[in-house]
Amino acid sequence: MPIRPTRYQRSTMLLLLVVMLLTGSATALAAQTPSAVAPADQLAAVQPQWRDELSAVIESASAAYTIDAQVHLPTRTSEPQIRGSVEVKWTNTTDETIDALPFRLYANGPDANHDALRVSDVMVDGTPASTELTVNQTVLSVALDAPRGPGESATVAMSFVLAVPIDERAHYGILNIDAGSGTWALAHWYPILAGWDPDRGWVLDPPSEYGDPIFSTTASYDLTLRTPAAWRVVHTGVTVETSEQGALAERHIVTGPVRDITLVLDDDFESVSRDVDGTTITSWYEPGNERVGEAVLDYAAQALEYFNGMIGPYPYMTLELAPVNLFGAAGVEFPQLIYMGASYYTPERDLETPNSLDFTVAHEVVHQWFYGIVGNNQYDHAFIDEGLTNFLSSEVYFTEMYGPLAGEVMVNRYLRGSFESAVAAESDQVVDTPTDDFPTGGDYVYAAYSKGPMGFKAIYDEIGHDAFAAGLQRYYDAHRFTVASPDDLLAAFEEASGQDLTELWHHWFEEAAGEDDV
């Protein structure tokens, strides 16, 4: 495939620095060709007691991805790249007739030229297909050779090249190479089908400026990935086979039912692991950061164990946490994988209870249930995963782990203080507002991470811990691997408590009347 212009290239020196930091030879990598790998059992990523149920989820999912990809290191004339191919076996699980499939090229959104991720050789059922790029080249519409009704299928295949940015802030670090550490963070790195919201169909909004850029629905992934042989690969799913091919290691990875597949690559990560309820949790860190890496493991283990009991069992075999140099985020959740802000990993990090690292780990662990397993349209209703998660990881988690005083400290620090300040400044917001309809990014953060959690605290205080937990269990049982709505969450709390919570819900999430609560 042709090499893109080096838009992300700061200078030849920066590229050569990355080459030195990342072991392996670009020449050796370029000389390799993809090898065929037989499909693996997706259930290898799933705990044994969940395999019957999740086998049915995989069978009923709208998409199954087979991806073959290879890392290409930078040279004096080209930026670092991921080159590969993706095949998607799609089944129409909607009640509508579909004549084109929209693929999201999320990587194109934040950059000025909107061409970080390029595709070619698009085929539908083995025949070349017509395509159209729209929404600043973040939506690739692939025309089907004939419309597909409910239950009908198609197979779409394409090649892609991703130019991975270096030390760029536009993707707030989730798609980036950090030249200092040599870590590759690879989120939204491949073409993915647009998410389908039962309330409004395909979600084709521009990648969000304020909130999470990705909205996708449940699928399964079979990935063959080639990297330099010495690299550590942290990823969604489990590796079922590894082989060495000269300078390369080839990994065969499967995920079970998930919403996307995400990676972190590094040449010298170290790790510690622990088993919790059948899940192997692994905390990765750069050499010399053992103290924080071990603390992250401790926090993740106690959070996973607690929320397994409160919400319902986490069904996967693995949960990985890795440091990534993030800009404007303390952590970011992905299926079975959490990006932890690299700034936490310092020798002087305060680990006295309560602390912000513990809070961030707990927050991202809760996201494994909400948005990870129980999905929601983050573009329209971000508060039902972010607000719920921030409340659970502050008052509920810290009270359970360390006592009521610690819970109150975290509520005041992360929820109540900013809520009361915003109300006093007459900048209260309606929480249930589409993410990019807020006046500013700060208004979105306030609504999703402060006022929204305060609304869930009001419900918690009204119905009590047991009914609140029972509501979460109902919500989890009824909507896992689907896309839930605010009405679904409200109904779960009402059914569990036997109370009409309509007025309380409306007050906190659907009107700007915070002065009544200060």
Protein backbone atom coordinates (compact mmCIF):
# COMPACT_ATOMS: atom_id res chain seq x y z
CA MET A 1 0.00 0.00 0.00
CA PRO A 2 1.18 3.60 -0.59
CA ILE A 3 2.85 5.45 2.26
CA ARG A 4 0.94 8.45 3.57
CA PRO A 5 2.62 11.86 3.80
CA THR A 6 4.32 12.21 7.18
CA ARG A 7 1.77 14.59 8.70
CA TYR A 8 2.43 13.47 12.28
CA GLN A 9 6.18 13.45 11.87
CA ARG A 10 7.68 16.17 14.14
CA SER A 11 11.11 15.69 12.66
CA THR A 12 13.45 13.00 11.49
CA MET A 13 15.07 13.11 14.93
CA LEU A 14 11.78 12.27 16.67
CA LEU A 15 11.16 9.34 14.35
CA LEU A 16 14.65 8.02 14.91
CA LEU A 17 14.17 8.41 18.66
CA VAL A 18 11.10 6.22 18.46
CA VAL A 19 13.01 3.67 16.39
CA MET A 20 15.67 3.50 19.10
CA LEU A 21 13.08 3.20 21.85
CA LEU A 22 11.17 0.45 20.09
CA THR A 23 13.22 -2.68 19.60
CA GLY A 24 13.19 -4.51 16.31
CA SER A 25 13.97 -3.67 12.71
CA ALA A 26 11.64 -1.82 10.37
CA THR A 27 13.30 -3.60 7.45
CA ALA A 28 12.72 -7.00 9.02
CA LEU A 29 9.11 -6.14 9.75
CA ALA A 30 8.43 -4.93 6.25
CA ALA A 31 9.80 -8.13 4.77
CA GLN A 32 7.24 -10.32 6.49
CA THR A 33 3.96 -11.34 4.90
CA PRO A 34 0.71 -12.24 6.66
CA SER A 35 0.20 -15.90 7.50
CA ALA A 36 -3.07 -17.73 7.65
CA VAL A 37 -4.30 -18.64 11.13
CA ALA A 38 -7.25 -20.91 11.72
CA PRO A 39 -10.19 -19.38 13.63
CA ALA A 40 -10.05 -20.03 17.38
CA ASP A 41 -12.73 -20.66 19.93
CA GLN A 42 -14.03 -17.29 21.11
CA LEU A 43 -15.03 -18.87 24.40
CA ALA A 44 -11.35 -19.12 25.43
CA ALA A 45 -11.74 -15.50 26.61
CA VAL A 46 -14.78 -16.37 28.77
CA GLN A 47 -14.92 -17.99 32.19
CA PRO A 48 -16.16 -21.62 31.99
CA GLN A 49 -19.41 -21.04 33.90
CA TRP A 50 -20.37 -18.30 31.40
CA ARG A 51 -19.58 -20.15 28.20
CA ASP A 52 -23.04 -21.52 27.43
CA GLU A 53 -24.69 -18.13 27.84
CA LEU A 54 -21.99 -16.16 26.05
CA SER A 55 -21.82 -18.66 23.21
CA ALA A 56 -25.41 -17.69 22.46
CA VAL A 57 -24.47 -13.99 22.68
CA ILE A 58 -21.67 -14.51 20.16
CA GLU A 59 -23.98 -16.41 17.83
CA SER A 60 -26.64 -13.67 17.99
CA ALA A 61 -24.24 -10.70 17.70
CA SER A 62 -24.50 -8.61 14.57
CA ALA A 63 -20.80 -8.83 13.67
CA ALA A 64 -17.78 -11.13 13.87
CA TYR A 65 -14.43 -9.52 12.98
CA THR A 66 -11.35 -11.27 11.63
CA ILE A 67 -8.38 -8.90 11.61
CA ASP A 68 -4.86 -9.51 10.34
CA ALA A 69 -2.48 -6.69 11.28
CA GLN A 70 1.20 -5.88 11.50
CA VAL A 71 3.25 -3.16 13.16
CA HIS A 72 5.54 -1.17 10.85
CA LEU A 73 8.19 0.87 12.62
CA PRO A 74 9.07 4.38 11.45
CA THR A 75 11.87 5.06 9.01
CA ARG A 76 13.50 8.29 7.84
CA THR A 77 10.73 8.70 5.26
CA SER A 78 7.64 7.14 6.84
CA GLU A 79 5.74 7.35 10.10
CA PRO A 80 4.90 4.34 12.27
CA GLN A 81 1.97 2.39 10.89
CA ILE A 82 -0.37 -0.49 11.46
CA ARG A 83 -1.18 -2.22 8.17
CA GLY A 84 -3.70 -4.95 7.83
CA SER A 85 -7.02 -6.28 6.66
CA VAL A 86 -10.38 -6.74 8.31
CA GLU A 87 -13.25 -9.05 7.40
CA VAL A 88 -16.63 -8.54 9.04
CA LYS A 89 -19.34 -11.16 8.89
CA TRP A 90 -22.45 -9.09 9.50
CA THR A 91 -26.02 -10.20 10.20
CA ASN A 92 -28.93 -7.79 10.15
CA THR A 93 -30.22 -7.98 13.73
CA THR A 94 -32.46 -4.94 13.31
CA ASP A 95 -36.07 -4.90 12.16
CA GLU A 96 -35.19 -2.72 9.17
CA THR A 97 -33.91 -3.39 5.65
CA ILE A 98 -30.30 -2.24 5.25
CA ASP A 99 -28.76 -1.27 1.90
CA ALA A 100 -25.37 0.03 3.10
CA LEU A 101 -23.11 -0.56 6.09
CA PRO A 102 -21.42 2.43 7.75
CA PHE A 103 -17.93 1.81 9.10
CA ARG A 104 -16.48 4.29 11.56
CA LEU A 105 -12.93 5.51 10.98
CA TYR A 106 -12.74 7.14 14.39
CA ALA A 107 -9.01 7.79 14.10
CA ASN A 108 -9.74 10.37 11.39
CA GLY A 109 -11.82 12.61 13.62
CA PRO A 110 -9.41 14.68 15.71
CA ASP A 111 -6.64 15.38 13.19
CA ALA A 112 -6.78 18.31 10.78
CA ASN A 113 -6.56 16.30 7.56
CA HIS A 114 -8.93 13.52 8.68
CA ASP A 115 -6.95 10.77 6.99
CA ALA A 116 -5.00 8.94 9.70
CA LEU A 117 -6.89 5.73 8.86
CA ARG A 118 -7.24 4.86 5.19
CA VAL A 119 -8.97 1.90 3.58
CA SER A 120 -8.80 0.24 0.18
CA ASP A 121 -9.91 -2.90 -1.67
CA VAL A 122 -13.39 -2.91 -0.15
CA MET A 123 -15.36 -6.04 -1.03
CA VAL A 124 -18.87 -7.29 -0.26
CA ASP A 125 -19.24 -11.05 -0.51
CA GLY A 126 -16.11 -11.21 -2.66
CA THR A 127 -17.16 -8.51 -5.13
CA PRO A 128 -15.72 -4.96 -5.26
CA ALA A 129 -18.09 -2.54 -3.53
CA SER A 130 -18.82 1.15 -4.00
CA THR A 131 -18.03 3.36 -1.00
CA GLU A 132 -18.52 6.92 0.19
CA LEU A 133 -16.57 8.86 2.83
CA THR A 134 -18.52 11.42 4.87
CA VAL A 135 -18.50 13.17 8.27
CA ASN A 136 -14.91 14.44 7.90
CA GLN A 137 -13.86 11.01 6.58
CA THR A 138 -14.98 9.28 9.79
CA VAL A 139 -17.84 7.37 8.13
CA LEU A 140 -17.16 4.93 5.28
CA SER A 141 -20.48 3.84 3.78
CA VAL A 142 -20.17 0.48 2.01
CA ALA A 143 -23.00 -0.21 -0.43
CA LEU A 144 -24.41 -3.73 -0.30
CA ASP A 145 -24.96 -5.49 -3.61
CA ALA A 146 -28.59 -5.98 -2.58
CA PRO A 147 -30.57 -4.78 0.46
CA ARG A 148 -30.53 -7.15 3.43
CA GLY A 149 -33.65 -7.70 5.47
CA PRO A 150 -33.82 -8.82 9.10
CA GLY A 151 -31.80 -12.00 9.63
CA GLU A 152 -29.93 -11.74 6.33
CA SER A 153 -26.12 -11.51 6.17
CA ALA A 154 -23.19 -10.08 4.24
CA THR A 155 -19.41 -10.30 4.49
CA VAL A 156 -17.43 -7.09 4.09
CA ALA A 157 -13.65 -7.12 3.69
CA MET A 158 -11.14 -4.29 3.30
CA SER A 159 -7.48 -3.40 3.72
CA PHE A 160 -6.39 -0.53 5.95
CA VAL A 161 -3.36 1.55 6.90
CA LEU A 162 -3.24 3.48 10.16
CA ALA A 163 -0.60 6.19 10.60
CA VAL A 164 0.01 6.18 14.35
CA PRO A 165 0.64 9.69 15.70
CA ILE A 166 3.66 10.46 17.87
CA ASP A 167 3.32 12.67 20.96
CA GLU A 168 0.04 14.08 19.68
CA ARG A 169 -2.66 15.41 22.02
CA ALA A 170 -5.62 15.47 19.60
CA HIS A 171 -6.71 11.93 20.51
CA TYR A 172 -6.02 12.74 24.22
CA GLY A 173 -3.46 9.96 24.22
CA ILE A 174 -5.63 6.93 23.48
CA LEU A 175 -4.23 6.65 19.94
CA ASN A 176 -0.62 7.70 20.22
CA ILE A 177 3.02 6.72 20.55
CA ASP A 178 4.71 8.26 23.56
CA ALA A 179 8.26 8.99 22.41
CA GLY A 180 9.48 9.13 26.00
CA SER A 181 8.41 5.64 27.04
CA GLY A 182 8.02 4.01 23.61
CA THR A 183 4.48 2.92 24.49
CA TRP A 184 1.98 2.53 21.66
CA ALA A 185 -1.63 3.15 22.73
CA LEU A 186 -3.98 1.77 20.09
CA ALA A 187 -7.64 2.59 20.55
CA HIS A 188 -10.06 2.99 17.59
CA TRP A 189 -7.23 1.76 15.36
CA TYR A 190 -9.20 -0.18 12.71
CA PRO A 191 -12.45 0.24 10.72
CA ILE A 192 -15.41 -0.69 12.95
CA LEU A 193 -19.11 -0.89 12.19
CA ALA A 194 -21.05 2.10 13.49
CA GLY A 195 -22.97 1.49 16.66
CA TRP A 196 -26.68 0.76 16.32
CA ASP A 197 -28.95 2.48 18.82
CA PRO A 198 -32.43 0.88 18.97
CA ASP A 199 -33.88 4.36 19.49
CA ARG A 200 -32.32 6.02 16.43
CA GLY A 201 -30.47 3.49 14.28
CA TRP A 202 -26.87 3.97 13.12
CA VAL A 203 -25.03 6.58 15.18
CA LEU A 204 -22.96 8.57 12.70
CA ASP A 205 -22.20 11.70 14.73
CA PRO A 206 -18.74 13.22 14.41
CA PRO A 207 -16.37 11.78 17.02
CA SER A 208 -17.22 13.53 20.27
CA GLU A 209 -15.18 16.59 21.21
CA TYR A 210 -16.03 16.35 24.90
CA GLY A 211 -16.68 12.70 25.76
CA ASP A 212 -15.86 9.16 24.68
CA PRO A 213 -15.36 9.08 20.90
CA ILE A 214 -16.43 5.47 20.33
CA PHE A 215 -19.93 4.02 20.31
CA SER A 216 -20.21 0.44 19.13
CA THR A 217 -22.30 -2.65 19.66
CA THR A 218 -21.44 -6.19 20.73
CA ALA A 219 -19.30 -8.28 18.37
CA SER A 220 -16.51 -10.86 18.53
CA TYR A 221 -12.91 -10.47 17.39
CA ASP A 222 -10.34 -12.88 15.99
CA LEU A 223 -7.05 -10.97 15.65
CA THR A 224 -3.71 -12.08 14.23
CA LEU A 225 -1.10 -9.50 15.21
CA ARG A 226 2.59 -9.33 14.32
CA THR A 227 4.96 -7.16 16.36
CA PRO A 228 8.68 -7.14 17.13
CA ALA A 229 9.40 -10.36 18.98
CA ALA A 230 10.49 -8.80 22.27
CA TRP A 231 7.47 -6.50 22.66
CA ARG A 232 4.85 -6.89 25.35
CA VAL A 233 1.32 -6.82 23.94
CA VAL A 234 -1.50 -5.85 26.31
CA HIS A 235 -4.90 -6.40 24.77
CA THR A 236 -8.58 -7.08 24.96
CA GLY A 237 -9.16 -10.85 25.03
CA VAL A 238 -6.71 -13.72 25.42
CA THR A 239 -3.80 -14.95 23.34
CA VAL A 240 -4.50 -18.52 22.23
CA GLU A 241 -1.33 -19.05 20.20
CA THR A 242 2.06 -17.36 19.78
CA SER A 243 4.76 -18.14 17.23
CA GLU A 244 8.05 -16.54 16.26
CA GLN A 245 8.91 -15.63 12.69
CA GLY A 246 12.40 -14.18 12.63
CA ALA A 247 12.24 -10.66 14.09
CA LEU A 248 8.49 -10.97 14.65
CA ALA A 249 6.18 -12.57 17.13
CA GLU A 250 2.74 -13.50 15.83
CA ARG A 251 -0.10 -13.60 18.33
CA HIS A 252 -3.53 -15.06 17.77
CA ILE A 253 -6.04 -13.27 20.00
CA VAL A 254 -9.75 -13.86 20.63
CA THR A 255 -12.08 -11.71 22.72
CA GLY A 256 -15.45 -13.29 23.35
CA PRO A 257 -18.38 -10.84 23.04
CA VAL A 258 -17.09 -7.25 23.35
CA ARG A 259 -17.70 -3.80 21.89
CA ASP A 260 -14.20 -3.25 20.45
CA ILE A 261 -10.63 -4.52 20.64
CA THR A 262 -7.89 -2.29 22.06
CA LEU A 263 -4.10 -2.69 22.43
CA VAL A 264 -1.07 -1.32 24.27
CA LEU A 265 2.39 -2.19 22.95
CA ASP A 266 5.66 -1.65 24.80
CA ASP A 267 9.16 -3.09 24.67
CA ASP A 268 9.97 -3.24 28.40
CA PHE A 269 6.78 -3.42 30.47
CA GLU A 270 6.93 -5.43 33.67
CA SER A 271 3.85 -6.85 35.38
CA VAL A 272 2.25 -8.35 38.46
CA SER A 273 -0.88 -10.52 38.40
CA ARG A 274 -3.53 -11.92 40.71
CA ASP A 275 -6.57 -14.15 40.35
CA VAL A 276 -9.92 -12.80 41.56
CA ASP A 277 -13.02 -14.98 41.17
CA GLY A 278 -11.52 -16.76 38.17
CA THR A 279 -10.27 -13.59 36.44
CA THR A 280 -6.54 -12.98 36.07
CA ILE A 281 -5.88 -9.27 36.72
CA THR A 282 -2.55 -8.01 35.39
CA SER A 283 -1.06 -4.62 36.23
CA TRP A 284 1.65 -3.48 33.80
CA TYR A 285 4.22 -0.78 34.50
CA GLU A 286 7.53 0.63 33.32
CA PRO A 287 10.68 -0.63 35.10
CA GLY A 288 11.17 1.19 38.40
CA ASN A 289 7.45 1.75 38.98
CA GLU A 290 6.79 -1.47 40.91
CA ARG A 291 5.28 0.33 43.90
CA VAL A 292 2.51 2.00 41.90
CA GLY A 293 2.06 -1.05 39.66
CA GLU A 294 1.44 -3.22 42.72
CA ALA A 295 -0.95 -0.64 44.20
CA VAL A 296 -2.93 -0.59 40.94
CA LEU A 297 -3.21 -4.37 41.16
CA ASP A 298 -4.41 -4.19 44.78
CA TYR A 299 -7.04 -1.57 43.97
CA ALA A 300 -8.26 -3.38 40.86
CA ALA A 301 -8.51 -6.69 42.73
CA GLN A 302 -10.59 -5.30 45.58
CA ALA A 303 -12.82 -3.30 43.20
CA LEU A 304 -13.44 -6.30 40.94
CA GLU A 305 -14.23 -8.54 43.89
CA TYR A 306 -16.62 -6.02 45.44
CA PHE A 307 -18.54 -5.17 42.28
CA ASN A 308 -18.73 -8.84 41.27
CA GLY A 309 -20.87 -9.21 44.36
CA MET A 310 -22.81 -5.96 44.12
CA ILE A 311 -23.64 -5.92 40.39
CA GLY A 312 -23.07 -9.41 39.01
CA PRO A 313 -20.10 -11.53 37.94
CA TYR A 314 -17.53 -10.20 35.50
CA PRO A 315 -17.54 -13.00 32.88
CA TYR A 316 -14.09 -12.76 31.29
CA MET A 317 -10.82 -14.57 31.95
CA THR A 318 -8.65 -11.43 32.04
CA LEU A 319 -8.55 -7.78 33.06
CA GLU A 320 -5.46 -5.74 32.13
CA LEU A 321 -4.33 -2.30 33.36
CA ALA A 322 -1.49 -0.44 31.63
CA PRO A 323 0.07 3.03 31.89
CA VAL A 324 -0.62 5.34 28.95
CA ASN A 325 0.36 9.00 28.64
CA LEU A 326 -3.12 10.56 28.63
CA PHE A 327 -4.04 14.21 28.08
CA GLY A 328 -7.14 15.41 29.91
CA ALA A 329 -8.06 12.00 31.34
CA ALA A 330 -6.98 10.08 34.43
CA GLY A 331 -7.98 6.72 32.95
CA VAL A 332 -9.94 5.31 30.01
CA GLU A 333 -11.97 2.11 29.89
CA PHE A 334 -11.98 -0.48 27.12
CA PRO A 335 -13.21 -4.08 27.12
CA GLN A 336 -11.01 -6.14 29.47
CA LEU A 337 -8.39 -3.38 29.32
CA ILE A 338 -7.92 -0.13 31.23
CA TYR A 339 -5.62 2.73 30.25
CA MET A 340 -4.21 4.27 33.45
CA GLY A 341 -2.75 7.77 33.23
CA ALA A 342 1.05 7.40 33.16
CA SER A 343 1.38 10.45 35.42
CA TYR A 344 0.22 8.28 38.33
CA TYR A 345 3.37 6.15 38.07
CA THR A 346 5.85 8.21 40.08
CA PRO A 347 7.96 7.27 43.12
CA GLU A 348 6.32 9.96 45.25
CA ARG A 349 2.72 8.94 44.44
CA ASP A 350 0.55 9.37 47.55
CA LEU A 351 -1.03 6.03 48.40
CA GLU A 352 -2.55 7.04 51.72
CA THR A 353 -6.25 6.20 52.02
CA PRO A 354 -8.29 7.65 50.41
CA ASN A 355 -6.40 8.62 47.26
CA SER A 356 -7.08 9.53 43.65
CA LEU A 357 -5.32 6.51 42.15
CA ASP A 358 -7.61 4.15 44.05
CA PHE A 359 -10.62 6.18 42.90
CA THR A 360 -9.53 6.13 39.24
CA VAL A 361 -8.90 2.39 39.24
CA ALA A 362 -12.29 1.72 40.84
CA HIS A 363 -14.02 4.05 38.35
CA GLU A 364 -12.51 2.26 35.35
CA VAL A 365 -13.21 -1.17 36.83
CA VAL A 366 -16.91 -0.29 37.23
CA HIS A 367 -16.90 0.71 33.55
CA GLN A 368 -16.28 -2.94 32.72
CA TRP A 369 -19.96 -3.41 33.58
CA PHE A 370 -21.27 0.00 32.44
CA TYR A 371 -20.48 0.70 29.30
CA GLY A 372 -18.47 -2.48 28.72
CA ILE A 373 -21.09 -5.19 29.27
CA VAL A 374 -24.26 -3.11 29.56
CA GLY A 375 -23.90 -0.62 26.72
CA ASN A 376 -25.48 2.77 26.22
CA ASN A 377 -25.30 5.49 23.60
CA GLN A 378 -22.61 7.72 25.08
CA TYR A 379 -23.29 10.42 22.51
CA ASP A 380 -26.86 10.94 23.73
CA HIS A 381 -26.92 9.69 27.34
CA ALA A 382 -23.37 9.62 28.73
CA PHE A 383 -24.59 10.10 32.29
CA ILE A 384 -25.96 6.56 32.62
CA ASP A 385 -22.48 5.11 32.45
CA GLU A 386 -20.26 8.00 33.59
CA GLY A 387 -22.55 9.33 36.30
CA LEU A 388 -23.41 5.91 37.65
CA THR A 389 -19.77 4.84 37.59
CA ASN A 390 -18.53 7.99 39.34
CA PHE A 391 -21.07 7.55 42.14
CA LEU A 392 -20.29 3.87 42.64
CA SER A 393 -16.52 4.47 42.67
CA SER A 394 -16.74 7.31 45.19
CA GLU A 395 -19.31 6.90 47.99
CA VAL A 396 -20.25 3.23 47.58
CA TYR A 397 -16.78 1.78 46.97
CA PHE A 398 -14.86 3.88 49.50
CA THR A 399 -17.49 3.42 52.20
CA GLU A 400 -17.36 -0.34 51.74
CA MET A 401 -13.56 -0.53 51.56
CA TYR A 402 -12.54 2.05 54.15
CA GLY A 403 -15.59 3.20 56.10
CA PRO A 404 -18.21 6.02 55.96
CA LEU A 405 -15.72 8.83 56.60
CA ALA A 406 -13.66 7.84 53.54
CA GLY A 407 -16.85 7.64 51.47
CA GLU A 408 -17.88 11.13 52.55
CA VAL A 409 -14.42 12.50 51.78
CA MET A 410 -14.61 11.16 48.21
CA VAL A 411 -18.14 12.46 47.66
CA ASN A 412 -17.08 15.93 48.77
CA ARG A 413 -13.88 15.79 46.72
CA TYR A 414 -15.27 14.48 43.44
CA LEU A 415 -19.01 15.18 43.43
CA ARG A 416 -20.46 17.67 45.90
CA GLY A 417 -17.81 20.37 45.73
CA SER A 418 -18.00 20.95 41.98
CA PHE A 419 -21.80 20.54 42.02
CA GLU A 420 -22.27 23.26 44.62
CA SER A 421 -19.71 25.55 42.93
CA ALA A 422 -21.51 25.29 39.59
CA VAL A 423 -24.89 26.01 41.14
CA ALA A 424 -23.47 29.01 43.00
CA ALA A 425 -22.03 30.29 39.72
CA GLU A 426 -25.46 29.86 38.05
CA SER A 427 -24.01 27.37 35.57
CA ASP A 428 -26.16 24.35 36.41
CA GLN A 429 -26.89 22.04 33.46
CA VAL A 430 -29.50 19.50 32.37
CA VAL A 431 -27.64 16.21 32.82
CA ASP A 432 -29.47 14.18 30.16
CA THR A 433 -28.15 16.27 27.25
CA PRO A 434 -26.25 14.92 24.21
CA THR A 435 -22.56 15.18 24.98
CA ASP A 436 -21.57 17.71 22.34
CA ASP A 437 -24.68 19.84 22.89
CA PHE A 438 -23.26 21.16 26.16
CA PRO A 439 -21.97 24.76 25.87
CA THR A 440 -18.43 23.73 26.83
CA GLY A 441 -16.43 20.65 27.66
CA GLY A 442 -16.41 21.78 31.28
CA ASP A 443 -20.21 21.80 31.31
CA TYR A 444 -20.23 18.22 30.03
CA VAL A 445 -17.73 17.11 32.68
CA TYR A 446 -19.80 18.80 35.38
CA ALA A 447 -23.03 17.11 34.24
CA ALA A 448 -21.60 13.63 33.64
CA TYR A 449 -19.09 13.42 36.50
CA SER A 450 -20.50 15.64 39.28
CA LYS A 451 -24.20 16.41 39.02
CA GLY A 452 -25.08 13.06 37.42
CA PRO A 453 -23.44 11.13 40.26
CA MET A 454 -25.16 13.39 42.79
CA GLY A 455 -28.44 12.36 41.16
CA PHE A 456 -27.61 8.69 41.62
CA LYS A 457 -26.64 9.45 45.21
CA ALA A 458 -30.10 10.99 45.70
CA ILE A 459 -31.70 7.77 44.40
CA TYR A 460 -29.37 5.69 46.60
CA ASP A 461 -30.29 7.73 49.67
CA GLU A 462 -33.99 7.45 48.82
CA ILE A 463 -34.22 3.68 48.26
CA GLY A 464 -31.26 2.40 50.30
CA HIS A 465 -28.22 0.29 49.51
CA ASP A 466 -29.98 -3.06 49.11
CA ALA A 467 -32.62 -1.82 46.68
CA PHE A 468 -30.01 0.19 44.74
CA ALA A 469 -27.81 -2.91 44.40
CA ALA A 470 -30.82 -5.00 43.41
CA GLY A 471 -31.65 -2.41 40.74
CA LEU A 472 -28.15 -2.64 39.30
CA GLN A 473 -28.42 -6.43 39.24
CA ARG A 474 -31.72 -6.22 37.37
CA TYR A 475 -30.22 -3.74 34.90
CA TYR A 476 -27.17 -5.97 34.37
CA ASP A 477 -29.20 -9.17 33.98
CA ALA A 478 -31.69 -7.65 31.54
CA HIS A 479 -29.39 -5.58 29.34
CA ARG A 480 -25.92 -7.11 29.20
CA PHE A 481 -24.43 -7.04 25.70
CA THR A 482 -27.23 -4.76 24.48
CA VAL A 483 -27.64 -0.96 24.28
CA ALA A 484 -29.70 0.25 27.25
CA SER A 485 -31.52 3.56 27.68
CA PRO A 486 -32.12 5.88 30.66
CA ASP A 487 -35.67 4.49 30.89
CA ASP A 488 -34.22 1.00 31.32
CA LEU A 489 -32.09 2.09 34.27
CA LEU A 490 -34.94 4.02 35.89
CA ALA A 491 -37.25 1.00 35.51
CA ALA A 492 -34.67 -1.27 37.16
CA PHE A 493 -34.45 0.97 40.23
CA GLU A 494 -38.25 1.31 40.44
CA GLU A 495 -38.82 -2.43 40.14
CA ALA A 496 -36.17 -3.19 42.77
CA SER A 497 -37.42 -0.58 45.25
CA GLY A 498 -41.16 -0.70 44.57
CA GLN A 499 -41.10 3.11 44.44
CA ASP A 500 -42.06 5.64 41.80
CA LEU A 501 -38.84 7.55 41.16
CA THR A 502 -40.07 9.59 38.20
CA GLU A 503 -40.02 12.97 39.94
CA LEU A 504 -36.63 12.39 41.53
CA TRP A 505 -35.17 11.24 38.21
CA HIS A 506 -36.67 14.22 36.38
CA HIS A 507 -35.37 16.69 38.94
CA TRP A 508 -31.78 15.49 38.84
CA PHE A 509 -31.33 14.46 35.22
CA GLU A 510 -33.88 16.37 33.14
CA GLU A 511 -33.97 19.87 34.60
CA ALA A 512 -31.47 22.47 35.81
CA ALA A 513 -32.75 23.10 39.32
CA GLY A 514 -29.66 22.43 41.38
CA GLU A 515 -30.34 25.42 43.61
CA ASP A 516 -33.03 23.30 45.30
CA ASP A 517 -30.33 20.91 46.54
CA VAL A 518 -27.64 23.27 47.82
